[in-house]
Amino acid sequence: MVAYLFAGQGAQYVSMGKDLYDTFPESKAIFDKAQDVLDWDLRARCFEGPEEMLKTTEICQPAVLTMSIAAFEAFKAVAGAPIEDVGFTSGLSLGEYSALVASGVLKFEDAVRAVQKRADLMNSAALKNPGKMAAIIGLDAGIIKEICFNTQGVEIANLNCPGQVVISGQKEPVDCARDLALEKGAKRAVDLDVSGAFHSSLMREAAEEFKDYIKDNLPLQEPEIPVVSNVDAIPKTKIVQFRESLVKQIYSSVLWEDSMRFMLSQGITKFYEFGPGKVLKGLMRRIDPKAEVINIGKKEDVLNLNKGEVSNAS
């Protein structure tokens, strides 16, 4: 069995998706649909930048979603993989929306609208409750949890893979926790270039507003493929579960390592990563070096499917 993985915020780069748009009618249709939904020029931001604008939360989130599904649609057109071969989908934070589209839970246009609303609410919450995020590299997650427990205003945002944990919260406490992590043996501690303390309690107000939004504006269907959720690393198959997890996801930890280990335990032997960059492939190398991950983010990745030349995780 295989699983489909989808990139999250932070994987974006200027020109992403341009070669897909120019090559595959299916990808062009996705970009054009997003363009029709949004009130700003998504194609220009993806294809031309500038980088500073592309990485802002309210631009980046719809852009990464669109590029990821554009890659996915090109893949489907060329590979024609039968759905019964796919055990699960999952996406890193924002990428969970791409996973929901791929699983049939959300129509693409509805996902674009929801992600734009999510991004706007998160950005507003970040302005109202300033915070930051930092990645701690090379330190046991248990030690980092203890640091957060003893540092008021800091929480675990992402448990990505062994040796990579992201913390989130108020600026001064995060700086303090970051420095403590270095003192306790972390190899590196890097501030993330994001606009706020995502996946922390500082986002709870945004989550409550988003809950009201999706109740009336986000039609969902039961999935064709189970979606492994960020919030608990458990596959979801019911509409009520998705409504709950999409709200909770905004302020809860992203359990990426646990999600990947769950899928591996269920017999997944190959993963396809859709979207910009190769972040998820890199994380999988730390989780299970033997797992095969095939990236689908550029024209060549899709065309090589016919040649059997796609690269794996080795």
C-alpha atoms as a PDB file:
ATOM      1  CA  MET A   1       0.000   0.000   0.000  1.00  0.00           C
ATOM      2  CA  VAL A   2       0.974   3.618  -0.513  1.00  0.00           C
ATOM      3  CA  ALA A   3       0.132   6.865   1.255  1.00  0.00           C
ATOM      4  CA  TYR A   4      -0.133  10.422  -0.036  1.00  0.00           C
ATOM      5  CA  LEU A   5       1.608  13.200   1.934  1.00  0.00           C
ATOM      6  CA  PHE A   6       1.186  16.944   1.402  1.00  0.00           C
ATOM      7  CA  ALA A   7       3.555  19.816   2.125  1.00  0.00           C
ATOM      8  CA  GLY A   8       2.901  22.544   4.666  1.00  0.00           C
ATOM      9  CA  GLN A   9       3.697  26.229   5.068  1.00  0.00           C
ATOM     10  CA  GLY A  10       7.414  26.917   4.838  1.00  0.00           C
ATOM     11  CA  ALA A  11       8.049  24.708   1.797  1.00  0.00           C
ATOM     12  CA  GLN A  12       7.115  27.459  -0.671  1.00  0.00           C
ATOM     13  CA  TYR A  13       9.492  29.003  -3.210  1.00  0.00           C
ATOM     14  CA  VAL A  14       9.127  31.539  -6.018  1.00  0.00           C
ATOM     15  CA  SER A  15       8.252  29.888  -9.374  1.00  0.00           C
ATOM     16  CA  MET A  16       6.595  26.888  -7.687  1.00  0.00           C
ATOM     17  CA  GLY A  17       4.069  25.227  -9.950  1.00  0.00           C
ATOM     18  CA  LYS A  18       4.912  27.247 -13.089  1.00  0.00           C
ATOM     19  CA  ASP A  19       6.261  24.214 -14.974  1.00  0.00           C
ATOM     20  CA  LEU A  20       3.217  22.167 -13.942  1.00  0.00           C
ATOM     21  CA  TYR A  21       0.900  24.966 -15.057  1.00  0.00           C
ATOM     22  CA  ASP A  22       2.603  25.190 -18.451  1.00  0.00           C
ATOM     23  CA  THR A  23       2.691  21.414 -19.014  1.00  0.00           C
ATOM     24  CA  PHE A  24      -0.423  19.758 -17.613  1.00  0.00           C
ATOM     25  CA  PRO A  25      -4.008  20.925 -18.329  1.00  0.00           C
ATOM     26  CA  GLU A  26      -5.066  19.391 -15.008  1.00  0.00           C
ATOM     27  CA  SER A  27      -2.582  21.574 -13.094  1.00  0.00           C
ATOM     28  CA  LYS A  28      -3.556  24.681 -15.047  1.00  0.00           C
ATOM     29  CA  ALA A  29      -7.202  24.055 -14.179  1.00  0.00           C
ATOM     30  CA  ILE A  30      -6.362  23.952 -10.466  1.00  0.00           C
ATOM     31  CA  PHE A  31      -4.455  27.247 -10.543  1.00  0.00           C
ATOM     32  CA  ASP A  32      -7.241  28.840 -12.572  1.00  0.00           C
ATOM     33  CA  LYS A  33      -9.909  27.641 -10.117  1.00  0.00           C
ATOM     34  CA  ALA A  34      -7.969  29.113  -7.187  1.00  0.00           C
ATOM     35  CA  GLN A  35      -7.546  32.369  -9.108  1.00  0.00           C
ATOM     36  CA  ASP A  36     -11.308  32.572  -9.570  1.00  0.00           C
ATOM     37  CA  VAL A  37     -11.953  32.027  -5.847  1.00  0.00           C
ATOM     38  CA  LEU A  38      -9.404  34.501  -4.451  1.00  0.00           C
ATOM     39  CA  ASP A  39      -9.407  38.284  -4.695  1.00  0.00           C
ATOM     40  CA  TRP A  40      -5.660  38.504  -5.373  1.00  0.00           C
ATOM     41  CA  ASP A  41      -3.346  37.203  -8.106  1.00  0.00           C
ATOM     42  CA  LEU A  42      -2.274  33.759  -6.890  1.00  0.00           C
ATOM     43  CA  ARG A  43      -0.540  32.806 -10.129  1.00  0.00           C
ATOM     44  CA  ALA A  44       1.648  35.893  -9.993  1.00  0.00           C
ATOM     45  CA  ARG A  45       2.600  35.314  -6.370  1.00  0.00           C
ATOM     46  CA  CYS A  46       3.498  31.652  -6.990  1.00  0.00           C
ATOM     47  CA  PHE A  47       5.286  32.153 -10.281  1.00  0.00           C
ATOM     48  CA  GLU A  48       6.892  35.581  -9.793  1.00  0.00           C
ATOM     49  CA  GLY A  49       6.943  36.309  -6.060  1.00  0.00           C
ATOM     50  CA  PRO A  50       8.386  38.410  -4.580  1.00  0.00           C
ATOM     51  CA  GLU A  51       9.597  35.974  -1.931  1.00  0.00           C
ATOM     52  CA  GLU A  52       8.762  38.301   0.961  1.00  0.00           C
ATOM     53  CA  MET A  53       5.145  38.458  -0.162  1.00  0.00           C
ATOM     54  CA  LEU A  54       4.865  34.739  -0.955  1.00  0.00           C
ATOM     55  CA  LYS A  55       5.928  33.708   2.538  1.00  0.00           C
ATOM     56  CA  THR A  56       3.329  35.837   4.343  1.00  0.00           C
ATOM     57  CA  THR A  57       0.724  33.629   6.016  1.00  0.00           C
ATOM     58  CA  GLU A  58      -2.291  34.923   4.095  1.00  0.00           C
ATOM     59  CA  ILE A  59      -0.578  34.439   0.711  1.00  0.00           C
ATOM     60  CA  CYS A  60       1.493  31.346   1.474  1.00  0.00           C
ATOM     61  CA  GLN A  61      -1.260  29.070   2.740  1.00  0.00           C
ATOM     62  CA  PRO A  62      -3.591  29.237  -0.306  1.00  0.00           C
ATOM     63  CA  ALA A  63      -0.532  29.167  -2.593  1.00  0.00           C
ATOM     64  CA  VAL A  64       0.955  25.985  -1.114  1.00  0.00           C
ATOM     65  CA  LEU A  65      -2.461  24.297  -1.112  1.00  0.00           C
ATOM     66  CA  THR A  66      -2.975  25.166  -4.774  1.00  0.00           C
ATOM     67  CA  MET A  67       0.481  24.088  -5.888  1.00  0.00           C
ATOM     68  CA  SER A  68       0.168  20.805  -3.983  1.00  0.00           C
ATOM     69  CA  ILE A  69      -3.166  19.900  -5.569  1.00  0.00           C
ATOM     70  CA  ALA A  70      -1.877  20.985  -8.992  1.00  0.00           C
ATOM     71  CA  ALA A  71       0.937  18.450  -8.564  1.00  0.00           C
ATOM     72  CA  PHE A  72      -1.519  15.837  -7.322  1.00  0.00           C
ATOM     73  CA  GLU A  73      -3.844  16.274 -10.308  1.00  0.00           C
ATOM     74  CA  ALA A  74      -0.943  15.992 -12.748  1.00  0.00           C
ATOM     75  CA  PHE A  75       0.164  12.826 -10.953  1.00  0.00           C
ATOM     76  CA  LYS A  76      -3.297  11.298 -11.205  1.00  0.00           C
ATOM     77  CA  ALA A  77      -3.516  12.113 -14.897  1.00  0.00           C
ATOM     78  CA  VAL A  78      -0.230  10.343 -15.631  1.00  0.00           C
ATOM     79  CA  ALA A  79      -0.115   7.551 -13.037  1.00  0.00           C
ATOM     80  CA  GLY A  80      -3.793   6.665 -12.809  1.00  0.00           C
ATOM     81  CA  ALA A  81      -3.200   4.940  -9.451  1.00  0.00           C
ATOM     82  CA  PRO A  82      -6.312   2.986  -8.357  1.00  0.00           C
ATOM     83  CA  ILE A  83      -7.709   4.344  -5.132  1.00  0.00           C
ATOM     84  CA  GLU A  84      -7.739   0.912  -3.472  1.00  0.00           C
ATOM     85  CA  ASP A  85      -3.926   0.946  -3.458  1.00  0.00           C
ATOM     86  CA  VAL A  86      -3.887   4.060  -1.251  1.00  0.00           C
ATOM     87  CA  GLY A  87      -4.150   3.399   2.472  1.00  0.00           C
ATOM     88  CA  PHE A  88      -4.041   6.935   3.891  1.00  0.00           C
ATOM     89  CA  THR A  89      -3.480  10.593   3.194  1.00  0.00           C
ATOM     90  CA  SER A  90      -1.909  13.113   5.550  1.00  0.00           C
ATOM     91  CA  GLY A  91      -0.494  16.631   5.410  1.00  0.00           C
ATOM     92  CA  LEU A  92       1.783  18.712   7.598  1.00  0.00           C
ATOM     93  CA  SER A  93      -0.367  21.367   9.292  1.00  0.00           C
ATOM     94  CA  LEU A  94      -1.701  23.388   6.327  1.00  0.00           C
ATOM     95  CA  GLY A  95      -1.034  20.298   4.208  1.00  0.00           C
ATOM     96  CA  GLU A  96      -3.897  18.521   5.930  1.00  0.00           C
ATOM     97  CA  TYR A  97      -6.258  20.549   3.736  1.00  0.00           C
ATOM     98  CA  SER A  98      -4.578  19.171   0.626  1.00  0.00           C
ATOM     99  CA  ALA A  99      -4.963  15.699   2.125  1.00  0.00           C
ATOM    100  CA  LEU A 100      -8.675  16.346   2.636  1.00  0.00           C
ATOM    101  CA  VAL A 101      -9.043  17.332  -1.007  1.00  0.00           C
ATOM    102  CA  ALA A 102      -7.148  14.238  -2.149  1.00  0.00           C
ATOM    103  CA  SER A 103      -9.358  12.029   0.044  1.00  0.00           C
ATOM    104  CA  GLY A 104     -12.580  13.535  -1.279  1.00  0.00           C
ATOM    105  CA  VAL A 105     -13.577  15.237   1.984  1.00  0.00           C
ATOM    106  CA  LEU A 106     -13.329  18.736   0.521  1.00  0.00           C
ATOM    107  CA  LYS A 107     -13.863  20.158  -2.935  1.00  0.00           C
ATOM    108  CA  PHE A 108     -10.796  22.104  -3.992  1.00  0.00           C
ATOM    109  CA  GLU A 109     -12.567  25.457  -4.263  1.00  0.00           C
ATOM    110  CA  ASP A 110     -14.038  25.066  -0.772  1.00  0.00           C
ATOM    111  CA  ALA A 111     -10.593  24.179   0.560  1.00  0.00           C
ATOM    112  CA  VAL A 112      -9.120  27.346  -0.949  1.00  0.00           C
ATOM    113  CA  ARG A 113     -11.800  29.485   0.693  1.00  0.00           C
ATOM    114  CA  ALA A 114     -11.326  27.739   4.032  1.00  0.00           C
ATOM    115  CA  VAL A 115      -7.539  28.034   3.939  1.00  0.00           C
ATOM    116  CA  GLN A 116      -7.753  31.722   3.077  1.00  0.00           C
ATOM    117  CA  LYS A 117     -10.095  32.258   6.028  1.00  0.00           C
ATOM    118  CA  ARG A 118      -7.817  30.172   8.285  1.00  0.00           C
ATOM    119  CA  ALA A 119      -4.768  32.178   7.241  1.00  0.00           C
ATOM    120  CA  ASP A 120      -6.507  35.511   7.757  1.00  0.00           C
ATOM    121  CA  LEU A 121      -7.684  34.505  11.234  1.00  0.00           C
ATOM    122  CA  MET A 122      -4.257  33.177  12.205  1.00  0.00           C
ATOM    123  CA  ASN A 123      -2.603  36.362  10.987  1.00  0.00           C
ATOM    124  CA  SER A 124      -5.069  38.509  12.935  1.00  0.00           C
ATOM    125  CA  ALA A 125      -4.467  36.428  16.065  1.00  0.00           C
ATOM    126  CA  ALA A 126      -0.714  36.822  15.591  1.00  0.00           C
ATOM    127  CA  LEU A 127      -1.061  40.608  15.431  1.00  0.00           C
ATOM    128  CA  LYS A 128      -3.286  40.657  18.505  1.00  0.00           C
ATOM    129  CA  ASN A 129      -1.203  38.158  20.525  1.00  0.00           C
ATOM    130  CA  PRO A 130       2.397  38.473  19.285  1.00  0.00           C
ATOM    131  CA  GLY A 131       4.536  35.376  19.515  1.00  0.00           C
ATOM    132  CA  LYS A 132       7.127  33.326  17.687  1.00  0.00           C
ATOM    133  CA  MET A 133       8.280  29.803  16.904  1.00  0.00           C
ATOM    134  CA  ALA A 134      11.676  28.118  17.116  1.00  0.00           C
ATOM    135  CA  ALA A 135      12.995  24.773  15.951  1.00  0.00           C
ATOM    136  CA  ILE A 136      15.110  22.809  18.415  1.00  0.00           C
ATOM    137  CA  ILE A 137      17.510  20.437  16.683  1.00  0.00           C
ATOM    138  CA  GLY A 138      19.308  17.495  18.218  1.00  0.00           C
ATOM    139  CA  LEU A 139      17.687  17.289  21.642  1.00  0.00           C
ATOM    140  CA  ASP A 140      15.423  14.602  23.079  1.00  0.00           C
ATOM    141  CA  ALA A 141      11.745  15.547  22.887  1.00  0.00           C
ATOM    142  CA  GLY A 142      11.259  14.645  26.545  1.00  0.00           C
ATOM    143  CA  ILE A 143      13.807  17.246  27.612  1.00  0.00           C
ATOM    144  CA  ILE A 144      12.143  19.863  25.425  1.00  0.00           C
ATOM    145  CA  LYS A 145       8.727  19.043  26.896  1.00  0.00           C
ATOM    146  CA  GLU A 146      10.192  19.500  30.364  1.00  0.00           C
ATOM    147  CA  ILE A 147      11.654  22.879  29.352  1.00  0.00           C
ATOM    148  CA  CYS A 148       8.252  23.988  28.030  1.00  0.00           C
ATOM    149  CA  PHE A 149       6.507  22.776  31.165  1.00  0.00           C
ATOM    150  CA  ASN A 150       8.864  24.875  33.287  1.00  0.00           C
ATOM    151  CA  THR A 151       8.725  27.941  31.019  1.00  0.00           C
ATOM    152  CA  GLN A 152       5.327  29.588  31.191  1.00  0.00           C
ATOM    153  CA  GLY A 153       4.090  30.739  27.797  1.00  0.00           C
ATOM    154  CA  VAL A 154       5.864  28.083  25.687  1.00  0.00           C
ATOM    155  CA  GLU A 155       4.294  25.000  24.106  1.00  0.00           C
ATOM    156  CA  ILE A 156       5.270  22.189  21.756  1.00  0.00           C
ATOM    157  CA  ALA A 157       4.073  23.108  18.267  1.00  0.00           C
ATOM    158  CA  ASN A 158       5.501  20.298  16.126  1.00  0.00           C
ATOM    159  CA  LEU A 159       6.959  16.890  16.868  1.00  0.00           C
ATOM    160  CA  ASN A 160       8.348  16.413  13.371  1.00  0.00           C
ATOM    161  CA  CYS A 161      10.914  13.641  13.686  1.00  0.00           C
ATOM    162  CA  PRO A 162      13.590  12.409  16.076  1.00  0.00           C
ATOM    163  CA  GLY A 163      15.812  15.357  16.886  1.00  0.00           C
ATOM    164  CA  GLN A 164      13.479  18.038  15.488  1.00  0.00           C
ATOM    165  CA  VAL A 165      10.889  19.705  17.694  1.00  0.00           C
ATOM    166  CA  VAL A 166       9.295  23.124  17.182  1.00  0.00           C
ATOM    167  CA  ILE A 167       8.237  25.274  20.130  1.00  0.00           C
ATOM    168  CA  SER A 168       5.764  28.138  20.043  1.00  0.00           C
ATOM    169  CA  GLY A 169       4.499  30.892  22.321  1.00  0.00           C
ATOM    170  CA  GLN A 170       5.208  34.378  23.624  1.00  0.00           C
ATOM    171  CA  LYS A 171       8.432  35.882  22.330  1.00  0.00           C
ATOM    172  CA  GLU A 172      10.492  36.267  25.512  1.00  0.00           C
ATOM    173  CA  PRO A 173       9.568  32.847  26.960  1.00  0.00           C
ATOM    174  CA  VAL A 174      10.368  31.177  23.619  1.00  0.00           C
ATOM    175  CA  ASP A 175      13.764  32.909  23.593  1.00  0.00           C
ATOM    176  CA  CYS A 176      14.340  31.662  27.136  1.00  0.00           C
ATOM    177  CA  ALA A 177      13.311  28.100  26.266  1.00  0.00           C
ATOM    178  CA  ARG A 178      15.467  28.176  23.144  1.00  0.00           C
ATOM    179  CA  ASP A 179      18.524  29.204  25.190  1.00  0.00           C
ATOM    180  CA  LEU A 180      17.801  26.541  27.828  1.00  0.00           C
ATOM    181  CA  ALA A 181      17.629  23.913  25.102  1.00  0.00           C
ATOM    182  CA  LEU A 182      21.073  24.930  23.885  1.00  0.00           C
ATOM    183  CA  GLU A 183      22.411  24.740  27.431  1.00  0.00           C
ATOM    184  CA  LYS A 184      20.995  21.224  27.763  1.00  0.00           C
ATOM    185  CA  GLY A 185      22.749  19.991  24.635  1.00  0.00           C
ATOM    186  CA  ALA A 186      20.675  20.944  21.578  1.00  0.00           C
ATOM    187  CA  LYS A 187      22.833  21.102  18.456  1.00  0.00           C
ATOM    188  CA  ARG A 188      20.953  24.103  17.125  1.00  0.00           C
ATOM    189  CA  ALA A 189      17.981  26.309  17.972  1.00  0.00           C
ATOM    190  CA  VAL A 190      16.606  28.313  15.060  1.00  0.00           C
ATOM    191  CA  ASP A 191      13.907  31.002  15.080  1.00  0.00           C
ATOM    192  CA  LEU A 192      11.341  30.291  12.360  1.00  0.00           C
ATOM    193  CA  ASP A 193      10.438  32.967   9.840  1.00  0.00           C
ATOM    194  CA  VAL A 194       6.709  32.995  10.598  1.00  0.00           C
ATOM    195  CA  SER A 195       4.380  35.765  11.682  1.00  0.00           C
ATOM    196  CA  GLY A 196       3.106  34.288  14.933  1.00  0.00           C
ATOM    197  CA  ALA A 197       2.939  31.538  17.533  1.00  0.00           C
ATOM    198  CA  PHE A 198       1.078  28.962  15.451  1.00  0.00           C
ATOM    199  CA  HIS A 199      -0.041  25.683  17.040  1.00  0.00           C
ATOM    200  CA  SER A 200      -0.174  27.268  20.477  1.00  0.00           C
ATOM    201  CA  SER A 201      -2.869  28.573  22.797  1.00  0.00           C
ATOM    202  CA  LEU A 202      -2.271  32.062  21.380  1.00  0.00           C
ATOM    203  CA  MET A 203      -4.264  30.799  18.367  1.00  0.00           C
ATOM    204  CA  ARG A 204      -7.337  29.704  20.341  1.00  0.00           C
ATOM    205  CA  GLU A 205      -9.312  32.827  19.444  1.00  0.00           C
ATOM    206  CA  ALA A 206      -8.623  32.192  15.766  1.00  0.00           C
ATOM    207  CA  ALA A 207      -9.746  28.592  16.215  1.00  0.00           C
ATOM    208  CA  GLU A 208     -13.055  29.632  17.785  1.00  0.00           C
ATOM    209  CA  GLU A 209     -13.783  32.032  14.925  1.00  0.00           C
ATOM    210  CA  PHE A 210     -12.828  29.358  12.412  1.00  0.00           C
ATOM    211  CA  LYS A 211     -15.217  26.944  14.107  1.00  0.00           C
ATOM    212  CA  ASP A 212     -18.067  29.359  13.446  1.00  0.00           C
ATOM    213  CA  TYR A 213     -16.941  29.765   9.846  1.00  0.00           C
ATOM    214  CA  ILE A 214     -16.741  26.090   8.921  1.00  0.00           C
ATOM    215  CA  LYS A 215     -20.082  25.326  10.583  1.00  0.00           C
ATOM    216  CA  ASP A 216     -21.884  27.375   7.942  1.00  0.00           C
ATOM    217  CA  ASN A 217     -19.443  27.607   5.042  1.00  0.00           C
ATOM    218  CA  LEU A 218     -17.535  24.356   4.671  1.00  0.00           C
ATOM    219  CA  PRO A 219     -19.401  21.387   3.180  1.00  0.00           C
ATOM    220  CA  LEU A 220     -17.663  18.088   3.921  1.00  0.00           C
ATOM    221  CA  GLN A 221     -18.067  14.575   2.571  1.00  0.00           C
ATOM    222  CA  GLU A 222     -17.012  11.280   4.099  1.00  0.00           C
ATOM    223  CA  PRO A 223     -13.588  10.326   2.726  1.00  0.00           C
ATOM    224  CA  GLU A 224     -12.728   7.837   0.015  1.00  0.00           C
ATOM    225  CA  ILE A 225      -9.361   7.413   1.791  1.00  0.00           C
ATOM    226  CA  PRO A 226      -8.848   7.801   5.573  1.00  0.00           C
ATOM    227  CA  VAL A 227      -6.987  10.968   6.595  1.00  0.00           C
ATOM    228  CA  VAL A 228      -4.417  10.676   9.392  1.00  0.00           C
ATOM    229  CA  SER A 229      -4.919  13.761  11.519  1.00  0.00           C
ATOM    230  CA  ASN A 230      -2.181  16.045  12.855  1.00  0.00           C
ATOM    231  CA  VAL A 231      -3.836  16.417  16.236  1.00  0.00           C
ATOM    232  CA  ASP A 232      -3.750  12.767  17.358  1.00  0.00           C
ATOM    233  CA  ALA A 233      -2.082  10.712  14.573  1.00  0.00           C
ATOM    234  CA  ILE A 234      -5.309   8.729  14.174  1.00  0.00           C
ATOM    235  CA  PRO A 235      -7.121   8.177  10.849  1.00  0.00           C
ATOM    236  CA  LYS A 236     -10.401  10.036  10.472  1.00  0.00           C
ATOM    237  CA  THR A 237     -13.346   8.790   8.425  1.00  0.00           C
ATOM    238  CA  LYS A 238     -16.362  10.747   9.748  1.00  0.00           C
ATOM    239  CA  ILE A 239     -17.459  14.286   8.955  1.00  0.00           C
ATOM    240  CA  VAL A 240     -17.878  15.200  12.620  1.00  0.00           C
ATOM    241  CA  GLN A 241     -14.286  14.141  13.253  1.00  0.00           C
ATOM    242  CA  PHE A 242     -12.976  16.444  10.529  1.00  0.00           C
ATOM    243  CA  ARG A 243     -14.947  19.411  11.836  1.00  0.00           C
ATOM    244  CA  GLU A 244     -13.421  18.902  15.274  1.00  0.00           C
ATOM    245  CA  SER A 245      -9.856  18.249  14.121  1.00  0.00           C
ATOM    246  CA  LEU A 246      -9.705  21.234  11.732  1.00  0.00           C
ATOM    247  CA  VAL A 247     -10.520  23.573  14.609  1.00  0.00           C
ATOM    248  CA  LYS A 248      -8.249  21.893  17.135  1.00  0.00           C
ATOM    249  CA  GLN A 249      -5.382  21.745  14.639  1.00  0.00           C
ATOM    250  CA  ILE A 250      -4.941  25.534  14.723  1.00  0.00           C
ATOM    251  CA  TYR A 251      -3.808  25.584  18.362  1.00  0.00           C
ATOM    252  CA  SER A 252      -2.646  21.973  18.937  1.00  0.00           C
ATOM    253  CA  SER A 253       0.696  20.246  18.426  1.00  0.00           C
ATOM    254  CA  VAL A 254       1.368  18.698  15.020  1.00  0.00           C
ATOM    255  CA  LEU A 255       2.141  15.026  15.697  1.00  0.00           C
ATOM    256  CA  TRP A 256       3.933  14.343  12.426  1.00  0.00           C
ATOM    257  CA  GLU A 257       6.363  11.687  13.624  1.00  0.00           C
ATOM    258  CA  ASP A 258       3.548   9.761  15.315  1.00  0.00           C
ATOM    259  CA  SER A 259       1.436  10.040  12.155  1.00  0.00           C
ATOM    260  CA  MET A 260       4.199   8.581  10.004  1.00  0.00           C
ATOM    261  CA  ARG A 261       4.935   5.786  12.464  1.00  0.00           C
ATOM    262  CA  PHE A 262       1.244   4.877  12.534  1.00  0.00           C
ATOM    263  CA  MET A 263       1.120   4.538   8.753  1.00  0.00           C
ATOM    264  CA  LEU A 264       4.318   2.507   8.667  1.00  0.00           C
ATOM    265  CA  SER A 265       2.798   0.183  11.280  1.00  0.00           C
ATOM    266  CA  GLN A 266      -0.230  -0.309   9.010  1.00  0.00           C
ATOM    267  CA  GLY A 267       1.819  -1.678   6.147  1.00  0.00           C
ATOM    268  CA  ILE A 268       2.493   1.432   4.091  1.00  0.00           C
ATOM    269  CA  THR A 269       5.573   0.696   1.989  1.00  0.00           C
ATOM    270  CA  LYS A 270       5.731   3.779  -0.232  1.00  0.00           C
ATOM    271  CA  PHE A 271       4.906   7.465   0.269  1.00  0.00           C
ATOM    272  CA  TYR A 272       4.282  10.119  -2.376  1.00  0.00           C
ATOM    273  CA  GLU A 273       5.015  13.688  -1.259  1.00  0.00           C
ATOM    274  CA  PHE A 274       3.064  16.339  -3.166  1.00  0.00           C
ATOM    275  CA  GLY A 275       3.833  20.044  -3.185  1.00  0.00           C
ATOM    276  CA  PRO A 276       6.851  22.317  -3.107  1.00  0.00           C
ATOM    277  CA  GLY A 277      10.186  21.153  -1.736  1.00  0.00           C
ATOM    278  CA  LYS A 278      11.227  17.911  -0.072  1.00  0.00           C
ATOM    279  CA  VAL A 279      10.646  18.686   3.602  1.00  0.00           C
ATOM    280  CA  LEU A 280       8.576  15.586   4.325  1.00  0.00           C
ATOM    281  CA  LYS A 281      11.065  13.314   2.599  1.00  0.00           C
ATOM    282  CA  GLY A 282      13.765  14.783   4.807  1.00  0.00           C
ATOM    283  CA  LEU A 283      11.723  14.156   7.948  1.00  0.00           C
ATOM    284  CA  MET A 284      11.038  10.575   6.898  1.00  0.00           C
ATOM    285  CA  ARG A 285      14.763   9.912   6.613  1.00  0.00           C
ATOM    286  CA  ARG A 286      14.961  10.615  10.354  1.00  0.00           C
ATOM    287  CA  ILE A 287      11.832   8.617  11.202  1.00  0.00           C
ATOM    288  CA  ASP A 288      12.559   5.509   9.114  1.00  0.00           C
ATOM    289  CA  PRO A 289      15.479   5.619   6.652  1.00  0.00           C
ATOM    290  CA  LYS A 290      14.176   2.500   4.909  1.00  0.00           C
ATOM    291  CA  ALA A 291      10.856   4.094   3.932  1.00  0.00           C
ATOM    292  CA  GLU A 292      10.503   5.036   0.273  1.00  0.00           C
ATOM    293  CA  VAL A 293       9.378   8.591  -0.454  1.00  0.00           C
ATOM    294  CA  ILE A 294       8.795   9.845  -3.993  1.00  0.00           C
ATOM    295  CA  ASN A 295       8.517  13.597  -4.528  1.00  0.00           C
ATOM    296  CA  ILE A 296       5.943  15.012  -6.934  1.00  0.00           C
ATOM    297  CA  GLY A 297       6.520  18.749  -7.154  1.00  0.00           C
ATOM    298  CA  LYS A 298       7.958  19.476 -10.579  1.00  0.00           C
ATOM    299  CA  LYS A 299       7.163  18.660 -14.187  1.00  0.00           C
ATOM    300  CA  GLU A 300      10.031  16.171 -14.376  1.00  0.00           C
ATOM    301  CA  ASP A 301       8.728  14.276 -11.341  1.00  0.00           C
ATOM    302  CA  VAL A 302       5.443  13.648 -13.114  1.00  0.00           C
ATOM    303  CA  LEU A 303       6.904  12.867 -16.535  1.00  0.00           C
ATOM    304  CA  ASN A 304       9.339  10.413 -14.975  1.00  0.00           C
ATOM    305  CA  LEU A 305       6.425   8.368 -13.657  1.00  0.00           C
ATOM    306  CA  ASN A 306       6.045   6.953 -17.147  1.00  0.00           C
ATOM    307  CA  LYS A 307       9.730   6.076 -17.306  1.00  0.00           C
ATOM    308  CA  GLY A 308       9.971   4.495 -13.873  1.00  0.00           C
ATOM    309  CA  GLU A 309      12.732   6.962 -13.051  1.00  0.00           C
ATOM    310  CA  VAL A 310      11.335   8.682  -9.983  1.00  0.00           C
ATOM    311  CA  SER A 311      13.843   8.864  -7.138  1.00  0.00           C
ATOM    312  CA  ASN A 312      13.242   7.228  -3.776  1.00  0.00           C
ATOM    313  CA  ALA A 313      14.369   8.019  -0.253  1.00  0.00           C
ATOM    314  CA  SER A 314      17.700   6.203  -0.514  1.00  0.00           C
END
